[in-house]
ModelCIF file with pLDDT and N, C-alpha, C, O atoms, coordinates in Angstrom:
data_MODEL
#
_entry.id   MODEL 
#
_entity.id                         1 
_entity.type                       polymer 
_entity.pdbx_number_of_molecules   1 
#
_entity_poly.entity_id                      1 
_entity_poly.type                           'polypeptide(L)' 
_entity_poly.nstd_linkage                   no 
_entity_poly.nstd_monomer                   no 
_entity_poly.pdbx_seq_one_letter_code       DLYQVLNISVPSTPTRCSPQISFPGVTDITAISSIV 
_entity_poly.pdbx_seq_one_letter_code_can   DLYQVLNISVPSTPTRCSPQISFPGVTDITAISSIV 
_entity_poly.pdbx_strand_id                 A 
#
loop_
_entity_poly_seq.entity_id 
_entity_poly_seq.num 
_entity_poly_seq.mon_id 
_entity_poly_seq.hetero 
1 1  ASP n 
1 2  LEU n 
1 3  TYR n 
1 4  GLN n 
1 5  VAL n 
1 6  LEU n 
1 7  ASN n 
1 8  ILE n 
1 9  SER n 
1 10 VAL n 
1 11 PRO n 
1 12 SER n 
1 13 THR n 
1 14 PRO n 
1 15 THR n 
1 16 ARG n 
1 17 CYS n 
1 18 SER n 
1 19 PRO n 
1 20 GLN n 
1 21 ILE n 
1 22 SER n 
1 23 PHE n 
1 24 PRO n 
1 25 GLY n 
1 26 VAL n 
1 27 THR n 
1 28 ASP n 
1 29 ILE n 
1 30 THR n 
1 31 ALA n 
1 32 ILE n 
1 33 SER n 
1 34 SER n 
1 35 ILE n 
1 36 VAL n 
#
_struct_asym.id          A 
_struct_asym.entity_id   1 
#
loop_
_ma_qa_metric.id 
_ma_qa_metric.mode 
_ma_qa_metric.name 
_ma_qa_metric.software_group_id 
_ma_qa_metric.type 
1 global pLDDT . pLDDT 
2 local  pLDDT . pLDDT 
#
_ma_qa_metric_global.metric_id      1 
_ma_qa_metric_global.metric_value   92.58 
_ma_qa_metric_global.model_id       1 
_ma_qa_metric_global.ordinal_id     1 
#
loop_
_ma_qa_metric_local.label_asym_id 
_ma_qa_metric_local.label_comp_id 
_ma_qa_metric_local.label_seq_id 
_ma_qa_metric_local.metric_id 
_ma_qa_metric_local.metric_value 
_ma_qa_metric_local.model_id 
_ma_qa_metric_local.ordinal_id 
A ASP 1  2 95.00 1 1  
A LEU 2  2 96.00 1 2  
A TYR 3  2 96.00 1 3  
A GLN 4  2 96.00 1 4  
A VAL 5  2 95.00 1 5  
A LEU 6  2 96.00 1 6  
A ASN 7  2 94.00 1 7  
A ILE 8  2 93.00 1 8  
A SER 9  2 89.00 1 9  
A VAL 10 2 91.00 1 10 
A PRO 11 2 93.00 1 11 
A SER 12 2 94.00 1 12 
A THR 13 2 94.00 1 13 
A PRO 14 2 95.00 1 14 
A THR 15 2 95.00 1 15 
A ARG 16 2 94.00 1 16 
A CYS 17 2 90.00 1 17 
A SER 18 2 88.00 1 18 
A PRO 19 2 88.00 1 19 
A GLN 20 2 90.00 1 20 
A ILE 21 2 90.00 1 21 
A SER 22 2 90.00 1 22 
A PHE 23 2 92.00 1 23 
A PRO 24 2 92.00 1 24 
A GLY 25 2 92.00 1 25 
A VAL 26 2 94.00 1 26 
A THR 27 2 94.00 1 27 
A ASP 28 2 95.00 1 28 
A ILE 29 2 95.00 1 29 
A THR 30 2 92.00 1 30 
A ALA 31 2 94.00 1 31 
A ILE 32 2 96.00 1 32 
A SER 33 2 94.00 1 33 
A SER 34 2 91.00 1 34 
A ILE 35 2 88.00 1 35 
A VAL 36 2 82.00 1 36 
#
loop_
_atom_site.group_PDB 
_atom_site.id 
_atom_site.type_symbol 
_atom_site.label_atom_id 
_atom_site.label_alt_id 
_atom_site.label_comp_id 
_atom_site.label_asym_id 
_atom_site.label_entity_id 
_atom_site.label_seq_id 
_atom_site.pdbx_PDB_ins_code 
_atom_site.Cartn_x 
_atom_site.Cartn_y 
_atom_site.Cartn_z 
_atom_site.occupancy 
_atom_site.B_iso_or_equiv 
_atom_site.pdbx_formal_charge 
_atom_site.auth_seq_id 
_atom_site.auth_comp_id 
_atom_site.auth_asym_id 
_atom_site.auth_atom_id 
_atom_site.pdbx_PDB_model_num 
ATOM 1   N N  . ASP A 1 1  ? -44.395 13.119 -61.521 1.00 95.00 ? 1  ASP A N  1 
ATOM 2   C CA . ASP A 1 1  ? -42.889 13.379 -61.196 1.00 95.00 ? 1  ASP A CA 1 
ATOM 3   C C  . ASP A 1 1  ? -42.513 14.659 -62.165 1.00 95.00 ? 1  ASP A C  1 
ATOM 4   O O  . ASP A 1 1  ? -42.069 14.405 -63.284 1.00 95.00 ? 1  ASP A O  1 
ATOM 5   N N  . LEU A 1 2  ? -42.662 15.862 -61.806 1.00 96.00 ? 2  LEU A N  1 
ATOM 6   C CA . LEU A 1 2  ? -42.736 16.875 -62.802 1.00 96.00 ? 2  LEU A CA 1 
ATOM 7   C C  . LEU A 1 2  ? -41.512 17.844 -63.086 1.00 96.00 ? 2  LEU A C  1 
ATOM 8   O O  . LEU A 1 2  ? -41.558 18.811 -63.846 1.00 96.00 ? 2  LEU A O  1 
ATOM 9   N N  . TYR A 1 3  ? -40.367 17.413 -62.326 1.00 96.00 ? 3  TYR A N  1 
ATOM 10  C CA . TYR A 1 3  ? -39.042 18.340 -62.338 1.00 96.00 ? 3  TYR A CA 1 
ATOM 11  C C  . TYR A 1 3  ? -37.994 17.163 -62.280 1.00 96.00 ? 3  TYR A C  1 
ATOM 12  O O  . TYR A 1 3  ? -37.816 16.509 -61.253 1.00 96.00 ? 3  TYR A O  1 
ATOM 13  N N  . GLN A 1 4  ? -37.387 16.965 -63.331 1.00 96.00 ? 4  GLN A N  1 
ATOM 14  C CA . GLN A 1 4  ? -36.068 16.063 -63.299 1.00 96.00 ? 4  GLN A CA 1 
ATOM 15  C C  . GLN A 1 4  ? -34.829 16.540 -63.659 1.00 96.00 ? 4  GLN A C  1 
ATOM 16  O O  . GLN A 1 4  ? -34.623 16.939 -64.805 1.00 96.00 ? 4  GLN A O  1 
ATOM 17  N N  . VAL A 1 5  ? -33.757 16.544 -62.579 1.00 95.00 ? 5  VAL A N  1 
ATOM 18  C CA . VAL A 1 5  ? -32.557 16.952 -63.066 1.00 95.00 ? 5  VAL A CA 1 
ATOM 19  C C  . VAL A 1 5  ? -31.707 16.205 -63.423 1.00 95.00 ? 5  VAL A C  1 
ATOM 20  O O  . VAL A 1 5  ? -31.621 15.262 -62.635 1.00 95.00 ? 5  VAL A O  1 
ATOM 21  N N  . LEU A 1 6  ? -30.875 16.135 -64.401 1.00 96.00 ? 6  LEU A N  1 
ATOM 22  C CA . LEU A 1 6  ? -29.851 15.168 -64.766 1.00 96.00 ? 6  LEU A CA 1 
ATOM 23  C C  . LEU A 1 6  ? -28.583 15.732 -64.696 1.00 96.00 ? 6  LEU A C  1 
ATOM 24  O O  . LEU A 1 6  ? -28.330 16.933 -64.783 1.00 96.00 ? 6  LEU A O  1 
ATOM 25  N N  . ASN A 1 7  ? -27.648 14.655 -64.504 1.00 94.00 ? 7  ASN A N  1 
ATOM 26  C CA . ASN A 1 7  ? -26.180 15.047 -64.661 1.00 94.00 ? 7  ASN A CA 1 
ATOM 27  C C  . ASN A 1 7  ? -25.771 14.732 -65.954 1.00 94.00 ? 7  ASN A C  1 
ATOM 28  O O  . ASN A 1 7  ? -25.866 13.607 -66.445 1.00 94.00 ? 7  ASN A O  1 
ATOM 29  N N  . ILE A 1 8  ? -25.309 15.730 -66.518 1.00 93.00 ? 8  ILE A N  1 
ATOM 30  C CA . ILE A 1 8  ? -24.840 15.313 -68.274 1.00 93.00 ? 8  ILE A CA 1 
ATOM 31  C C  . ILE A 1 8  ? -23.475 15.568 -68.178 1.00 93.00 ? 8  ILE A C  1 
ATOM 32  O O  . ILE A 1 8  ? -23.000 15.905 -69.263 1.00 93.00 ? 8  ILE A O  1 
ATOM 33  N N  . SER A 1 9  ? -22.661 15.525 -67.242 1.00 89.00 ? 9  SER A N  1 
ATOM 34  C CA . SER A 1 9  ? -21.174 15.746 -67.393 1.00 89.00 ? 9  SER A CA 1 
ATOM 35  C C  . SER A 1 9  ? -20.424 14.762 -68.221 1.00 89.00 ? 9  SER A C  1 
ATOM 36  O O  . SER A 1 9  ? -19.370 15.082 -68.771 1.00 89.00 ? 9  SER A O  1 
ATOM 37  N N  . VAL A 1 10 ? -20.925 13.612 -68.321 1.00 91.00 ? 10 VAL A N  1 
ATOM 38  C CA . VAL A 1 10 ? -20.661 12.595 -69.323 1.00 91.00 ? 10 VAL A CA 1 
ATOM 39  C C  . VAL A 1 10 ? -21.715 12.409 -70.243 1.00 91.00 ? 10 VAL A C  1 
ATOM 40  O O  . VAL A 1 10 ? -22.706 11.770 -69.889 1.00 91.00 ? 10 VAL A O  1 
ATOM 41  N N  . PRO A 1 11 ? -21.622 12.926 -71.476 1.00 93.00 ? 11 PRO A N  1 
ATOM 42  C CA . PRO A 1 11 ? -22.752 13.018 -72.578 1.00 93.00 ? 11 PRO A CA 1 
ATOM 43  C C  . PRO A 1 11 ? -23.393 11.449 -72.840 1.00 93.00 ? 11 PRO A C  1 
ATOM 44  O O  . PRO A 1 11 ? -24.541 11.167 -73.183 1.00 93.00 ? 11 PRO A O  1 
ATOM 45  N N  . SER A 1 12 ? -22.402 10.657 -72.597 1.00 94.00 ? 12 SER A N  1 
ATOM 46  C CA . SER A 1 12 ? -22.899 9.367  -73.045 1.00 94.00 ? 12 SER A CA 1 
ATOM 47  C C  . SER A 1 12 ? -24.170 8.596  -71.991 1.00 94.00 ? 12 SER A C  1 
ATOM 48  O O  . SER A 1 12 ? -25.081 7.832  -72.310 1.00 94.00 ? 12 SER A O  1 
ATOM 49  N N  . THR A 1 13 ? -23.824 9.100  -70.789 1.00 94.00 ? 13 THR A N  1 
ATOM 50  C CA . THR A 1 13 ? -24.589 8.433  -69.617 1.00 94.00 ? 13 THR A CA 1 
ATOM 51  C C  . THR A 1 13 ? -25.242 9.549  -68.896 1.00 94.00 ? 13 THR A C  1 
ATOM 52  O O  . THR A 1 13 ? -24.798 9.893  -67.801 1.00 94.00 ? 13 THR A O  1 
ATOM 53  N N  . PRO A 1 14 ? -26.301 10.163 -69.448 1.00 95.00 ? 14 PRO A N  1 
ATOM 54  C CA . PRO A 1 14 ? -27.113 11.003 -68.512 1.00 95.00 ? 14 PRO A CA 1 
ATOM 55  C C  . PRO A 1 14 ? -27.576 10.283 -67.167 1.00 95.00 ? 14 PRO A C  1 
ATOM 56  O O  . PRO A 1 14 ? -28.011 9.131  -67.166 1.00 95.00 ? 14 PRO A O  1 
ATOM 57  N N  . THR A 1 15 ? -27.464 10.946 -66.195 1.00 95.00 ? 15 THR A N  1 
ATOM 58  C CA . THR A 1 15 ? -28.121 10.127 -64.979 1.00 95.00 ? 15 THR A CA 1 
ATOM 59  C C  . THR A 1 15 ? -28.874 11.221 -64.059 1.00 95.00 ? 15 THR A C  1 
ATOM 60  O O  . THR A 1 15 ? -28.501 12.389 -63.946 1.00 95.00 ? 15 THR A O  1 
ATOM 61  N N  . ARG A 1 16 ? -29.855 10.722 -63.502 1.00 94.00 ? 16 ARG A N  1 
ATOM 62  C CA . ARG A 1 16 ? -30.887 11.594 -62.572 1.00 94.00 ? 16 ARG A CA 1 
ATOM 63  C C  . ARG A 1 16 ? -29.959 12.026 -61.117 1.00 94.00 ? 16 ARG A C  1 
ATOM 64  O O  . ARG A 1 16 ? -29.325 11.262 -60.390 1.00 94.00 ? 16 ARG A O  1 
ATOM 65  N N  . CYS A 1 17 ? -30.094 13.171 -61.025 1.00 90.00 ? 17 CYS A N  1 
ATOM 66  C CA . CYS A 1 17 ? -29.237 13.665 -59.663 1.00 90.00 ? 17 CYS A CA 1 
ATOM 67  C C  . CYS A 1 17 ? -30.266 14.544 -58.894 1.00 90.00 ? 17 CYS A C  1 
ATOM 68  O O  . CYS A 1 17 ? -29.785 15.353 -58.100 1.00 90.00 ? 17 CYS A O  1 
ATOM 69  N N  . SER A 1 18 ? -31.594 14.493 -59.023 1.00 88.00 ? 18 SER A N  1 
ATOM 70  C CA . SER A 1 18 ? -32.562 15.200 -57.945 1.00 88.00 ? 18 SER A CA 1 
ATOM 71  C C  . SER A 1 18 ? -33.470 14.362 -57.589 1.00 88.00 ? 18 SER A C  1 
ATOM 72  O O  . SER A 1 18 ? -33.858 13.499 -58.376 1.00 88.00 ? 18 SER A O  1 
ATOM 73  N N  . PRO A 1 19 ? -34.005 14.486 -56.228 1.00 88.00 ? 19 PRO A N  1 
ATOM 74  C CA . PRO A 1 19 ? -35.304 13.827 -55.865 1.00 88.00 ? 19 PRO A CA 1 
ATOM 75  C C  . PRO A 1 19 ? -36.230 14.211 -56.396 1.00 88.00 ? 19 PRO A C  1 
ATOM 76  O O  . PRO A 1 19 ? -36.218 15.196 -57.135 1.00 88.00 ? 19 PRO A O  1 
ATOM 77  N N  . GLN A 1 20 ? -37.354 13.440 -56.108 1.00 90.00 ? 20 GLN A N  1 
ATOM 78  C CA . GLN A 1 20 ? -38.730 13.862 -56.579 1.00 90.00 ? 20 GLN A CA 1 
ATOM 79  C C  . GLN A 1 20 ? -39.435 15.069 -55.798 1.00 90.00 ? 20 GLN A C  1 
ATOM 80  O O  . GLN A 1 20 ? -39.767 15.010 -54.614 1.00 90.00 ? 20 GLN A O  1 
ATOM 81  N N  . ILE A 1 21 ? -39.607 16.144 -56.618 1.00 90.00 ? 21 ILE A N  1 
ATOM 82  C CA . ILE A 1 21 ? -40.139 17.331 -55.847 1.00 90.00 ? 21 ILE A CA 1 
ATOM 83  C C  . ILE A 1 21 ? -41.574 17.356 -55.916 1.00 90.00 ? 21 ILE A C  1 
ATOM 84  O O  . ILE A 1 21 ? -42.188 16.882 -56.872 1.00 90.00 ? 21 ILE A O  1 
ATOM 85  N N  . SER A 1 22 ? -42.133 17.910 -54.906 1.00 90.00 ? 22 SER A N  1 
ATOM 86  C CA . SER A 1 22 ? -43.519 17.960 -54.581 1.00 90.00 ? 22 SER A CA 1 
ATOM 87  C C  . SER A 1 22 ? -44.267 19.540 -55.172 1.00 90.00 ? 22 SER A C  1 
ATOM 88  O O  . SER A 1 22 ? -43.891 20.642 -54.772 1.00 90.00 ? 22 SER A O  1 
ATOM 89  N N  . PHE A 1 23 ? -45.181 19.356 -56.010 1.00 92.00 ? 23 PHE A N  1 
ATOM 90  C CA . PHE A 1 23 ? -45.631 20.751 -56.424 1.00 92.00 ? 23 PHE A CA 1 
ATOM 91  C C  . PHE A 1 23 ? -47.156 20.690 -56.168 1.00 92.00 ? 23 PHE A C  1 
ATOM 92  O O  . PHE A 1 23 ? -47.846 20.399 -57.145 1.00 92.00 ? 23 PHE A O  1 
ATOM 93  N N  . PRO A 1 24 ? -47.817 20.937 -54.915 1.00 92.00 ? 24 PRO A N  1 
ATOM 94  C CA . PRO A 1 24 ? -49.031 20.716 -54.527 1.00 92.00 ? 24 PRO A CA 1 
ATOM 95  C C  . PRO A 1 24 ? -49.685 21.529 -55.553 1.00 92.00 ? 24 PRO A C  1 
ATOM 96  O O  . PRO A 1 24 ? -49.233 22.589 -55.986 1.00 92.00 ? 24 PRO A O  1 
ATOM 97  N N  . GLY A 1 25 ? -51.102 20.803 -56.026 1.00 92.00 ? 25 GLY A N  1 
ATOM 98  C CA . GLY A 1 25 ? -51.945 21.436 -57.005 1.00 92.00 ? 25 GLY A CA 1 
ATOM 99  C C  . GLY A 1 25 ? -51.537 21.472 -58.157 1.00 92.00 ? 25 GLY A C  1 
ATOM 100 O O  . GLY A 1 25 ? -52.294 22.010 -58.965 1.00 92.00 ? 25 GLY A O  1 
ATOM 101 N N  . VAL A 1 26 ? -50.391 20.998 -58.602 1.00 94.00 ? 26 VAL A N  1 
ATOM 102 C CA . VAL A 1 26 ? -49.893 20.753 -59.948 1.00 94.00 ? 26 VAL A CA 1 
ATOM 103 C C  . VAL A 1 26 ? -49.692 19.465 -60.507 1.00 94.00 ? 26 VAL A C  1 
ATOM 104 O O  . VAL A 1 26 ? -49.152 18.512 -59.944 1.00 94.00 ? 26 VAL A O  1 
ATOM 105 N N  . THR A 1 27 ? -50.223 19.507 -61.795 1.00 94.00 ? 27 THR A N  1 
ATOM 106 C CA . THR A 1 27 ? -50.096 18.383 -62.381 1.00 94.00 ? 27 THR A CA 1 
ATOM 107 C C  . THR A 1 27 ? -49.559 18.297 -63.724 1.00 94.00 ? 27 THR A C  1 
ATOM 108 O O  . THR A 1 27 ? -49.558 17.297 -64.442 1.00 94.00 ? 27 THR A O  1 
ATOM 109 N N  . ASP A 1 28 ? -49.026 19.644 -64.037 1.00 95.00 ? 28 ASP A N  1 
ATOM 110 C CA . ASP A 1 28 ? -48.321 19.876 -65.406 1.00 95.00 ? 28 ASP A CA 1 
ATOM 111 C C  . ASP A 1 28 ? -47.722 21.263 -65.267 1.00 95.00 ? 28 ASP A C  1 
ATOM 112 O O  . ASP A 1 28 ? -48.309 22.318 -65.027 1.00 95.00 ? 28 ASP A O  1 
ATOM 113 N N  . ILE A 1 29 ? -46.170 20.996 -65.508 1.00 95.00 ? 29 ILE A N  1 
ATOM 114 C CA . ILE A 1 29 ? -45.285 22.294 -65.737 1.00 95.00 ? 29 ILE A CA 1 
ATOM 115 C C  . ILE A 1 29 ? -45.269 22.474 -67.372 1.00 95.00 ? 29 ILE A C  1 
ATOM 116 O O  . ILE A 1 29 ? -44.851 21.604 -68.134 1.00 95.00 ? 29 ILE A O  1 
ATOM 117 N N  . THR A 1 30 ? -45.761 23.669 -67.758 1.00 92.00 ? 30 THR A N  1 
ATOM 118 C CA . THR A 1 30 ? -45.983 23.775 -68.939 1.00 92.00 ? 30 THR A CA 1 
ATOM 119 C C  . THR A 1 30 ? -44.668 24.418 -69.911 1.00 92.00 ? 30 THR A C  1 
ATOM 120 O O  . THR A 1 30 ? -44.553 24.280 -71.129 1.00 92.00 ? 30 THR A O  1 
ATOM 121 N N  . ALA A 1 31 ? -43.831 25.075 -69.085 1.00 94.00 ? 31 ALA A N  1 
ATOM 122 C CA . ALA A 1 31 ? -42.576 25.689 -69.511 1.00 94.00 ? 31 ALA A CA 1 
ATOM 123 C C  . ALA A 1 31 ? -41.475 25.841 -68.723 1.00 94.00 ? 31 ALA A C  1 
ATOM 124 O O  . ALA A 1 31 ? -41.643 25.870 -67.504 1.00 94.00 ? 31 ALA A O  1 
ATOM 125 N N  . ILE A 1 32 ? -40.482 25.933 -69.140 1.00 96.00 ? 32 ILE A N  1 
ATOM 126 C CA . ILE A 1 32 ? -39.372 26.362 -68.194 1.00 96.00 ? 32 ILE A CA 1 
ATOM 127 C C  . ILE A 1 32 ? -38.164 27.291 -68.669 1.00 96.00 ? 32 ILE A C  1 
ATOM 128 O O  . ILE A 1 32 ? -37.740 27.175 -69.819 1.00 96.00 ? 32 ILE A O  1 
ATOM 129 N N  . SER A 1 33 ? -37.609 28.218 -67.774 1.00 94.00 ? 33 SER A N  1 
ATOM 130 C CA . SER A 1 33 ? -36.577 28.944 -68.451 1.00 94.00 ? 33 SER A CA 1 
ATOM 131 C C  . SER A 1 33 ? -35.693 29.268 -67.325 1.00 94.00 ? 33 SER A C  1 
ATOM 132 O O  . SER A 1 33 ? -36.130 29.999 -66.436 1.00 94.00 ? 33 SER A O  1 
ATOM 133 N N  . SER A 1 34 ? -34.515 28.810 -67.267 1.00 91.00 ? 34 SER A N  1 
ATOM 134 C CA . SER A 1 34 ? -33.529 29.029 -66.319 1.00 91.00 ? 34 SER A CA 1 
ATOM 135 C C  . SER A 1 34 ? -32.435 30.255 -66.421 1.00 91.00 ? 34 SER A C  1 
ATOM 136 O O  . SER A 1 34 ? -31.871 30.571 -67.469 1.00 91.00 ? 34 SER A O  1 
ATOM 137 N N  . ILE A 1 35 ? -32.281 30.750 -65.427 1.00 88.00 ? 35 ILE A N  1 
ATOM 138 C CA . ILE A 1 35 ? -31.109 31.834 -65.243 1.00 88.00 ? 35 ILE A CA 1 
ATOM 139 C C  . ILE A 1 35 ? -29.932 31.703 -64.459 1.00 88.00 ? 35 ILE A C  1 
ATOM 140 O O  . ILE A 1 35 ? -30.144 31.551 -63.256 1.00 88.00 ? 35 ILE A O  1 
ATOM 141 N N  . VAL A 1 36 ? -28.865 31.720 -64.791 1.00 82.00 ? 36 VAL A N  1 
ATOM 142 C CA . VAL A 1 36 ? -27.645 31.772 -63.840 1.00 82.00 ? 36 VAL A CA 1 
ATOM 143 C C  . VAL A 1 36 ? -27.270 33.506 -63.862 1.00 82.00 ? 36 VAL A C  1 
ATOM 144 O O  . VAL A 1 36 ? -26.328 33.942 -63.200 1.00 82.00 ? 36 VAL A O  1 
#
């Protein structure tokens, strides 16, 4: 389960808000950088 998104609107209770995403052929995501 390589990619997990949390809702942190309430800092005291982070909760997962994403489904499990399939990455065929991948067992390790080594780095992430996000852009808006």
